[in-house]
Amino acid sequence: MGRWRRHLDPNVTRGAWDAREDAALRALYAELGPKWSRICESVPGRTAQQCRARWFQIDGSVARGGNENHDVD
């Protein structure tokens, strides 16, 4: 099932995340915590793995204890 779900399933969205999906992800994480299987049930077309990866992209520096407002040289 892994390969099917990750690479072949036509019901899985593989494109960029939109603002609506990001907002839903943040709200669901605030409510459920890191229960990715439950979160993905409420984000149509996204897998638990995609939700987890996106969470760490949009909120990863906070989750790792980093500073989002750092300067890049």
Protein backbone atom coordinates (compact mmCIF):
# COMPACT_ATOMS: atom_id res chain seq x y z
CA MET A 1 0.00 0.00 0.00
CA GLY A 2 2.91 2.39 0.66
CA ARG A 3 3.94 2.88 -2.96
CA TRP A 4 0.33 3.11 -4.12
CA ARG A 5 -0.57 5.76 -1.57
CA ARG A 6 2.64 7.77 -1.92
CA HIS A 7 3.12 7.70 -5.68
CA LEU A 8 0.19 6.30 -7.64
CA ASP A 9 -3.10 7.08 -5.86
CA PRO A 10 -4.93 9.66 -8.01
CA ASN A 11 -6.83 10.94 -4.95
CA VAL A 12 -3.66 12.25 -3.32
CA THR A 13 -2.83 15.89 -4.03
CA ARG A 14 0.84 16.35 -4.84
CA GLY A 15 0.89 20.02 -5.67
CA ALA A 16 1.68 23.02 -3.54
CA TRP A 17 -0.27 23.59 -0.34
CA ASP A 18 -2.68 26.52 -0.39
CA ALA A 19 -3.44 28.95 2.45
CA ARG A 20 -6.70 27.15 3.29
CA GLU A 21 -4.88 23.84 3.78
CA ASP A 22 -2.19 25.50 5.90
CA ALA A 23 -4.82 27.15 8.10
CA ALA A 24 -6.65 23.83 8.52
CA LEU A 25 -3.38 22.08 9.38
CA ARG A 26 -2.52 24.66 12.05
CA ALA A 27 -5.99 24.51 13.60
CA LEU A 28 -6.06 20.71 13.61
CA TYR A 29 -2.57 20.49 15.11
CA ALA A 30 -3.60 22.92 17.85
CA GLU A 31 -6.63 20.74 18.58
CA LEU A 32 -5.18 17.23 18.15
CA GLY A 33 -1.44 17.56 18.51
CA PRO A 34 0.80 15.37 16.34
CA LYS A 35 -1.88 12.81 15.45
CA TRP A 36 -1.15 12.90 11.74
CA SER A 37 -3.54 10.09 10.78
CA ARG A 38 -6.44 11.94 12.38
CA ILE A 39 -5.33 15.28 10.96
CA CYS A 40 -5.14 13.98 7.38
CA GLU A 41 -8.77 12.80 7.59
CA SER A 42 -9.77 16.48 7.73
CA VAL A 43 -7.40 17.70 5.02
CA PRO A 44 -8.80 16.14 1.82
CA GLY A 45 -6.28 14.78 -0.63
CA ARG A 46 -3.32 14.85 1.78
CA THR A 47 -1.68 11.89 3.48
CA ALA A 48 -0.50 11.77 7.09
CA GLN A 49 3.09 11.88 5.84
CA GLN A 50 2.37 15.00 3.77
CA CYS A 51 0.68 16.70 6.73
CA ARG A 52 3.62 15.96 9.00
CA ALA A 53 6.17 17.16 6.44
CA ARG A 54 4.19 20.35 5.79
CA TRP A 55 3.88 21.03 9.51
CA PHE A 56 7.65 21.00 9.86
CA GLN A 57 8.00 23.26 6.81
CA ILE A 58 5.60 25.93 8.06
CA ASP A 59 6.23 25.63 11.78
CA GLY A 60 9.43 23.64 11.97
CA SER A 61 11.69 26.28 13.39
CA VAL A 62 9.27 26.80 16.27
CA ALA A 63 8.93 23.04 16.82
CA ARG A 64 12.73 22.67 16.87
CA GLY A 65 13.13 25.64 19.22
CA GLY A 66 14.64 27.86 16.55
CA ASN A 67 14.00 31.50 15.82
CA GLU A 68 11.87 32.27 12.76
CA ASN A 69 13.17 35.84 12.56
CA HIS A 70 16.83 35.01 12.01
CA ASP A 71 18.96 36.89 9.51
CA VAL A 72 20.37 35.06 6.54
CA ASP A 73 23.66 36.30 5.10
